[in-house]
Amino acid sequence: MQTKKQSFIESLVNVSIGFCITMVSLHIIFPVLGIENNSGKNIILTIYLTLLSILRNYVLRRYFNRKQTRH
């Protein structure tokens, strides 16, 4: 079973990797789709989605840890 701190660290590492992948991929996919490639907007969008991902990962990890300890 993971502690809350371990769950949070795992979420941060996972999402940090995703953040880097997203920043690179936005510069590739936006021009293909005809969307203006604005670095400032890309960073804001990526930060927003990153925060949602951290929260989602943490909540899911805690849910499954709690479920596992009950059985």
PDB file of N, CA and C in Angstrom:
ATOM      1  N   MET A   1       0.839  -1.185   0.000  1.00  0.00           N
ATOM      2  CA  MET A   1       0.000   0.000   0.000  1.00  0.00           C
ATOM      3  C   MET A   1       0.885   1.249   0.000  1.00  0.00           C
ATOM      4  N   GLN A   2       0.486   2.227  -0.772  1.00  0.00           N
ATOM      5  CA  GLN A   2       1.222   3.490  -0.830  1.00  0.00           C
ATOM      6  C   GLN A   2       0.705   4.449   0.232  1.00  0.00           C
ATOM      7  N   THR A   3       1.624   5.260   0.724  1.00  0.00           N
ATOM      8  CA  THR A   3       1.199   6.352   1.598  1.00  0.00           C
ATOM      9  C   THR A   3       0.650   7.473   0.721  1.00  0.00           C
ATOM     10  N   LYS A   4      -0.008   8.432   1.341  1.00  0.00           N
ATOM     11  CA  LYS A   4      -0.530   9.575   0.589  1.00  0.00           C
ATOM     12  C   LYS A   4       0.614  10.331  -0.084  1.00  0.00           C
ATOM     13  N   LYS A   5       1.727  10.451   0.620  1.00  0.00           N
ATOM     14  CA  LYS A   5       2.882  11.151   0.054  1.00  0.00           C
ATOM     15  C   LYS A   5       3.426  10.409  -1.171  1.00  0.00           C
ATOM     16  N   GLN A   6       3.515   9.096  -1.090  1.00  0.00           N
ATOM     17  CA  GLN A   6       3.992   8.309  -2.223  1.00  0.00           C
ATOM     18  C   GLN A   6       3.040   8.417  -3.409  1.00  0.00           C
ATOM     19  N   SER A   7       1.737   8.422  -3.138  1.00  0.00           N
ATOM     20  CA  SER A   7       0.746   8.584  -4.207  1.00  0.00           C
ATOM     21  C   SER A   7       0.915   9.929  -4.888  1.00  0.00           C
ATOM     22  N   PHE A   8       1.131  10.958  -4.088  1.00  0.00           N
ATOM     23  CA  PHE A   8       1.292  12.304  -4.632  1.00  0.00           C
ATOM     24  C   PHE A   8       2.562  12.402  -5.475  1.00  0.00           C
ATOM     25  N   ILE A   9       3.658  11.830  -4.988  1.00  0.00           N
ATOM     26  CA  ILE A   9       4.921  11.854  -5.735  1.00  0.00           C
ATOM     27  C   ILE A   9       4.780  11.089  -7.045  1.00  0.00           C
ATOM     28  N   GLU A  10       4.136   9.921  -7.001  1.00  0.00           N
ATOM     29  CA  GLU A  10       3.918   9.152  -8.225  1.00  0.00           C
ATOM     30  C   GLU A  10       3.108   9.972  -9.230  1.00  0.00           C
ATOM     31  N   SER A  11       2.068  10.635  -8.755  1.00  0.00           N
ATOM     32  CA  SER A  11       1.245  11.469  -9.636  1.00  0.00           C
ATOM     33  C   SER A  11       2.060  12.596 -10.244  1.00  0.00           C
ATOM     34  N   LEU A  12       2.895  13.243  -9.432  1.00  0.00           N
ATOM     35  CA  LEU A  12       3.721  14.349  -9.939  1.00  0.00           C
ATOM     36  C   LEU A  12       4.704  13.887 -11.008  1.00  0.00           C
ATOM     37  N   VAL A  13       5.358  12.760 -10.768  1.00  0.00           N
ATOM     38  CA  VAL A  13       6.322  12.247 -11.743  1.00  0.00           C
ATOM     39  C   VAL A  13       5.612  11.868 -13.038  1.00  0.00           C
ATOM     40  N   ASN A  14       4.512  11.153 -12.924  1.00  0.00           N
ATOM     41  CA  ASN A  14       3.749  10.730 -14.084  1.00  0.00           C
ATOM     42  C   ASN A  14       3.282  11.927 -14.904  1.00  0.00           C
ATOM     43  N   VAL A  15       2.723  12.908 -14.234  1.00  0.00           N
ATOM     44  CA  VAL A  15       2.173  14.066 -14.936  1.00  0.00           C
ATOM     45  C   VAL A  15       3.289  14.982 -15.453  1.00  0.00           C
ATOM     46  N   SER A  16       4.403  15.040 -14.778  1.00  0.00           N
ATOM     47  CA  SER A  16       5.530  15.845 -15.261  1.00  0.00           C
ATOM     48  C   SER A  16       6.027  15.327 -16.603  1.00  0.00           C
ATOM     49  N   ILE A  17       6.096  14.024 -16.720  1.00  0.00           N
ATOM     50  CA  ILE A  17       6.485  13.427 -17.997  1.00  0.00           C
ATOM     51  C   ILE A  17       5.443  13.762 -19.058  1.00  0.00           C
ATOM     52  N   GLY A  18       4.166  13.647 -18.685  1.00  0.00           N
ATOM     53  CA  GLY A  18       3.084  14.008 -19.601  1.00  0.00           C
ATOM     54  C   GLY A  18       3.128  15.468 -20.005  1.00  0.00           C
ATOM     55  N   PHE A  19       3.508  16.350 -19.075  1.00  0.00           N
ATOM     56  CA  PHE A  19       3.621  17.781 -19.353  1.00  0.00           C
ATOM     57  C   PHE A  19       4.631  18.015 -20.478  1.00  0.00           C
ATOM     58  N   CYS A  20       5.781  17.393 -20.357  1.00  0.00           N
ATOM     59  CA  CYS A  20       6.828  17.563 -21.376  1.00  0.00           C
ATOM     60  C   CYS A  20       6.372  17.026 -22.734  1.00  0.00           C
ATOM     61  N   ILE A  21       5.746  15.871 -22.713  1.00  0.00           N
ATOM     62  CA  ILE A  21       5.252  15.287 -23.962  1.00  0.00           C
ATOM     63  C   ILE A  21       4.202  16.194 -24.592  1.00  0.00           C
ATOM     64  N   THR A  22       3.304  16.739 -23.774  1.00  0.00           N
ATOM     65  CA  THR A  22       2.254  17.618 -24.283  1.00  0.00           C
ATOM     66  C   THR A  22       2.828  18.891 -24.887  1.00  0.00           C
ATOM     67  N   MET A  23       3.800  19.504 -24.225  1.00  0.00           N
ATOM     68  CA  MET A  23       4.383  20.748 -24.745  1.00  0.00           C
ATOM     69  C   MET A  23       4.987  20.524 -26.129  1.00  0.00           C
ATOM     70  N   VAL A  24       5.677  19.418 -26.301  1.00  0.00           N
ATOM     71  CA  VAL A  24       6.281  19.112 -27.598  1.00  0.00           C
ATOM     72  C   VAL A  24       5.198  18.793 -28.624  1.00  0.00           C
ATOM     73  N   SER A  25       4.224  17.979 -28.217  1.00  0.00           N
ATOM     74  CA  SER A  25       3.201  17.553 -29.177  1.00  0.00           C
ATOM     75  C   SER A  25       2.297  18.692 -29.625  1.00  0.00           C
ATOM     76  N   LEU A  26       2.057  19.685 -28.761  1.00  0.00           N
ATOM     77  CA  LEU A  26       1.240  20.832 -29.172  1.00  0.00           C
ATOM     78  C   LEU A  26       1.906  21.602 -30.309  1.00  0.00           C
ATOM     79  N   HIS A  27       3.223  21.700 -30.255  1.00  0.00           N
ATOM     80  CA  HIS A  27       3.957  22.392 -31.321  1.00  0.00           C
ATOM     81  C   HIS A  27       3.921  21.616 -32.635  1.00  0.00           C
ATOM     82  N   ILE A  28       3.661  20.337 -32.546  1.00  0.00           N
ATOM     83  CA  ILE A  28       3.570  19.506 -33.754  1.00  0.00           C
ATOM     84  C   ILE A  28       2.142  19.474 -34.281  1.00  0.00           C
ATOM     85  N   ILE A  29       1.170  19.211 -33.402  1.00  0.00           N
ATOM     86  CA  ILE A  29      -0.193  18.951 -33.857  1.00  0.00           C
ATOM     87  C   ILE A  29      -0.983  20.221 -34.190  1.00  0.00           C
ATOM     88  N   PHE A  30      -0.753  21.324 -33.467  1.00  0.00           N
ATOM     89  CA  PHE A  30      -1.522  22.538 -33.747  1.00  0.00           C
ATOM     90  C   PHE A  30      -1.347  23.022 -35.183  1.00  0.00           C
ATOM     91  N   PRO A  31      -0.122  23.116 -35.703  1.00  0.00           N
ATOM     92  CA  PRO A  31       0.016  23.535 -37.103  1.00  0.00           C
ATOM     93  C   PRO A  31      -0.651  22.571 -38.088  1.00  0.00           C
ATOM     94  N   VAL A  32      -0.608  21.284 -37.782  1.00  0.00           N
ATOM     95  CA  VAL A  32      -1.249  20.293 -38.648  1.00  0.00           C
ATOM     96  C   VAL A  32      -2.758  20.533 -38.700  1.00  0.00           C
ATOM     97  N   LEU A  33      -3.330  20.948 -37.559  1.00  0.00           N
ATOM     98  CA  LEU A  33      -4.769  21.192 -37.479  1.00  0.00           C
ATOM     99  C   LEU A  33      -5.158  22.610 -37.881  1.00  0.00           C
ATOM    100  N   GLY A  34      -4.170  23.430 -38.199  1.00  0.00           N
ATOM    101  CA  GLY A  34      -4.456  24.810 -38.580  1.00  0.00           C
ATOM    102  C   GLY A  34      -4.759  25.719 -37.399  1.00  0.00           C
ATOM    103  N   ILE A  35      -4.335  25.326 -36.201  1.00  0.00           N
ATOM    104  CA  ILE A  35      -4.534  26.124 -34.998  1.00  0.00           C
ATOM    105  C   ILE A  35      -3.288  26.968 -34.767  1.00  0.00           C
ATOM    106  N   GLU A  36      -3.498  28.236 -34.428  1.00  0.00           N
ATOM    107  CA  GLU A  36      -2.366  29.133 -34.172  1.00  0.00           C
ATOM    108  C   GLU A  36      -1.507  28.568 -33.050  1.00  0.00           C
ATOM    109  N   ASN A  37      -0.222  28.506 -33.287  1.00  0.00           N
ATOM    110  CA  ASN A  37       0.727  27.967 -32.319  1.00  0.00           C
ATOM    111  C   ASN A  37       1.295  29.105 -31.498  1.00  0.00           C
ATOM    112  N   ASN A  38       0.677  29.375 -30.336  1.00  0.00           N
ATOM    113  CA  ASN A  38       1.082  30.453 -29.456  1.00  0.00           C
ATOM    114  C   ASN A  38       1.669  29.840 -28.189  1.00  0.00           C
ATOM    115  N   SER A  39       2.954  30.045 -27.968  1.00  0.00           N
ATOM    116  CA  SER A  39       3.630  29.408 -26.830  1.00  0.00           C
ATOM    117  C   SER A  39       2.993  29.766 -25.498  1.00  0.00           C
ATOM    118  N   GLY A  40       2.603  31.020 -25.307  1.00  0.00           N
ATOM    119  CA  GLY A  40       1.972  31.435 -24.049  1.00  0.00           C
ATOM    120  C   GLY A  40       0.681  30.690 -23.790  1.00  0.00           C
ATOM    121  N   LYS A  41      -0.166  30.597 -24.815  1.00  0.00           N
ATOM    122  CA  LYS A  41      -1.425  29.875 -24.670  1.00  0.00           C
ATOM    123  C   LYS A  41      -1.181  28.377 -24.494  1.00  0.00           C
ATOM    124  N   ASN A  42      -0.182  27.852 -25.185  1.00  0.00           N
ATOM    125  CA  ASN A  42       0.153  26.434 -25.029  1.00  0.00           C
ATOM    126  C   ASN A  42       0.549  26.121 -23.590  1.00  0.00           C
ATOM    127  N   ILE A  43       1.340  26.991 -22.982  1.00  0.00           N
ATOM    128  CA  ILE A  43       1.785  26.777 -21.601  1.00  0.00           C
ATOM    129  C   ILE A  43       0.595  26.830 -20.647  1.00  0.00           C
ATOM    130  N   ILE A  44      -0.290  27.818 -20.824  1.00  0.00           N
ATOM    131  CA  ILE A  44      -1.471  27.933 -19.951  1.00  0.00           C
ATOM    132  C   ILE A  44      -2.356  26.698 -20.080  1.00  0.00           C
ATOM    133  N   LEU A  45      -2.615  26.277 -21.300  1.00  0.00           N
ATOM    134  CA  LEU A  45      -3.438  25.092 -21.532  1.00  0.00           C
ATOM    135  C   LEU A  45      -2.789  23.857 -20.924  1.00  0.00           C
ATOM    136  N   THR A  46      -1.498  23.710 -21.109  1.00  0.00           N
ATOM    137  CA  THR A  46      -0.792  22.545 -20.585  1.00  0.00           C
ATOM    138  C   THR A  46      -0.772  22.544 -19.063  1.00  0.00           C
ATOM    139  N   ILE A  47      -0.571  23.699 -18.447  1.00  0.00           N
ATOM    140  CA  ILE A  47      -0.584  23.784 -16.976  1.00  0.00           C
ATOM    141  C   ILE A  47      -1.966  23.405 -16.441  1.00  0.00           C
ATOM    142  N   TYR A  48      -3.010  23.920 -17.065  1.00  0.00           N
ATOM    143  CA  TYR A  48      -4.373  23.602 -16.646  1.00  0.00           C
ATOM    144  C   TYR A  48      -4.627  22.094 -16.723  1.00  0.00           C
ATOM    145  N   LEU A  49      -4.296  21.501 -17.860  1.00  0.00           N
ATOM    146  CA  LEU A  49      -4.510  20.065 -18.025  1.00  0.00           C
ATOM    147  C   LEU A  49      -3.612  19.252 -17.092  1.00  0.00           C
ATOM    148  N   THR A  50      -2.422  19.758 -16.809  1.00  0.00           N
ATOM    149  CA  THR A  50      -1.504  19.083 -15.892  1.00  0.00           C
ATOM    150  C   THR A  50      -2.076  19.050 -14.479  1.00  0.00           C
ATOM    151  N   LEU A  51      -2.623  20.172 -14.031  1.00  0.00           N
ATOM    152  CA  LEU A  51      -3.219  20.218 -12.694  1.00  0.00           C
ATOM    153  C   LEU A  51      -4.396  19.246 -12.593  1.00  0.00           C
ATOM    154  N   LEU A  52      -5.207  19.189 -13.638  1.00  0.00           N
ATOM    155  CA  LEU A  52      -6.309  18.221 -13.647  1.00  0.00           C
ATOM    156  C   LEU A  52      -5.784  16.787 -13.596  1.00  0.00           C
ATOM    157  N   SER A  53      -4.698  16.524 -14.306  1.00  0.00           N
ATOM    158  CA  SER A  53      -4.121  15.180 -14.325  1.00  0.00           C
ATOM    159  C   SER A  53      -3.557  14.786 -12.964  1.00  0.00           C
ATOM    160  N   ILE A  54      -2.892  15.721 -12.292  1.00  0.00           N
ATOM    161  CA  ILE A  54      -2.350  15.433 -10.957  1.00  0.00           C
ATOM    162  C   ILE A  54      -3.484  15.069 -10.013  1.00  0.00           C
ATOM    163  N   LEU A  55      -4.539  15.865 -10.032  1.00  0.00           N
ATOM    164  CA  LEU A  55      -5.685  15.604  -9.169  1.00  0.00           C
ATOM    165  C   LEU A  55      -6.327  14.259  -9.499  1.00  0.00           C
ATOM    166  N   ARG A  56      -6.536  13.989 -10.782  1.00  0.00           N
ATOM    167  CA  ARG A  56      -7.149  12.728 -11.210  1.00  0.00           C
ATOM    168  C   ARG A  56      -6.299  11.533 -10.786  1.00  0.00           C
ATOM    169  N   ASN A  57      -4.993  11.599 -11.053  1.00  0.00           N
ATOM    170  CA  ASN A  57      -4.103  10.493 -10.690  1.00  0.00           C
ATOM    171  C   ASN A  57      -4.081  10.248  -9.187  1.00  0.00           C
ATOM    172  N   TYR A  58      -4.009  11.317  -8.417  1.00  0.00           N
ATOM    173  CA  TYR A  58      -3.949  11.195  -6.964  1.00  0.00           C
ATOM    174  C   TYR A  58      -5.238  10.574  -6.418  1.00  0.00           C
ATOM    175  N   VAL A  59      -6.381  11.088  -6.855  1.00  0.00           N
ATOM    176  CA  VAL A  59      -7.669  10.583  -6.366  1.00  0.00           C
ATOM    177  C   VAL A  59      -7.846   9.111  -6.740  1.00  0.00           C
ATOM    178  N   LEU A  60      -7.527   8.745  -7.969  1.00  0.00           N
ATOM    179  CA  LEU A  60      -7.657   7.346  -8.375  1.00  0.00           C
ATOM    180  C   LEU A  60      -6.719   6.436  -7.579  1.00  0.00           C
ATOM    181  N   ARG A  61      -5.497   6.873  -7.372  1.00  0.00           N
ATOM    182  CA  ARG A  61      -4.540   6.061  -6.614  1.00  0.00           C
ATOM    183  C   ARG A  61      -5.036   5.862  -5.189  1.00  0.00           C
ATOM    184  N   ARG A  62      -5.527   6.913  -4.554  1.00  0.00           N
ATOM    185  CA  ARG A  62      -6.025   6.800  -3.182  1.00  0.00           C
ATOM    186  C   ARG A  62      -7.255   5.898  -3.129  1.00  0.00           C
ATOM    187  N   TYR A  63      -8.132   6.009  -4.124  1.00  0.00           N
ATOM    188  CA  TYR A  63      -9.327   5.167  -4.183  1.00  0.00           C
ATOM    189  C   TYR A  63      -8.936   3.692  -4.252  1.00  0.00           C
ATOM    190  N   PHE A  64      -8.032   3.351  -5.148  1.00  0.00           N
ATOM    191  CA  PHE A  64      -7.640   1.951  -5.300  1.00  0.00           C
ATOM    192  C   PHE A  64      -6.835   1.452  -4.106  1.00  0.00           C
ATOM    193  N   ASN A  65      -6.054   2.316  -3.468  1.00  0.00           N
ATOM    194  CA  ASN A  65      -5.356   1.910  -2.247  1.00  0.00           C
ATOM    195  C   ASN A  65      -6.350   1.606  -1.139  1.00  0.00           C
ATOM    196  N   ARG A  66      -7.354   2.448  -0.997  1.00  0.00           N
ATOM    197  CA  ARG A  66      -8.368   2.248   0.041  1.00  0.00           C
ATOM    198  C   ARG A  66      -9.164   0.963  -0.247  1.00  0.00           C
ATOM    199  N   LYS A  67      -9.506   0.766  -1.510  1.00  0.00           N
ATOM    200  CA  LYS A  67     -10.253  -0.426  -1.905  1.00  0.00           C
ATOM    201  C   LYS A  67      -9.436  -1.688  -1.628  1.00  0.00           C
ATOM    202  N   GLN A  68      -8.136  -1.624  -1.897  1.00  0.00           N
ATOM    203  CA  GLN A  68      -7.261  -2.779  -1.701  1.00  0.00           C
ATOM    204  C   GLN A  68      -7.120  -3.124  -0.225  1.00  0.00           C
ATOM    205  N   THR A  69      -7.043  -2.129   0.636  1.00  0.00           N
ATOM    206  CA  THR A  69      -6.839  -2.386   2.070  1.00  0.00           C
ATOM    207  C   THR A  69      -8.107  -2.910   2.747  1.00  0.00           C
ATOM    208  N   ARG A  70      -9.259  -2.695   2.137  1.00  0.00           N
ATOM    209  CA  ARG A  70     -10.521  -3.188   2.703  1.00  0.00           C
ATOM    210  C   ARG A  70     -10.697  -4.679   2.474  1.00  0.00           C
ATOM    211  N   HIS A  71     -10.009  -5.235   1.488  1.00  0.00           N
ATOM    212  CA  HIS A  71     -10.184  -6.666   1.156  1.00  0.00           C
ATOM    213  C   HIS A  71      -9.118  -7.491   1.801  1.00  0.00           C
TER     214      HIS A  71
END
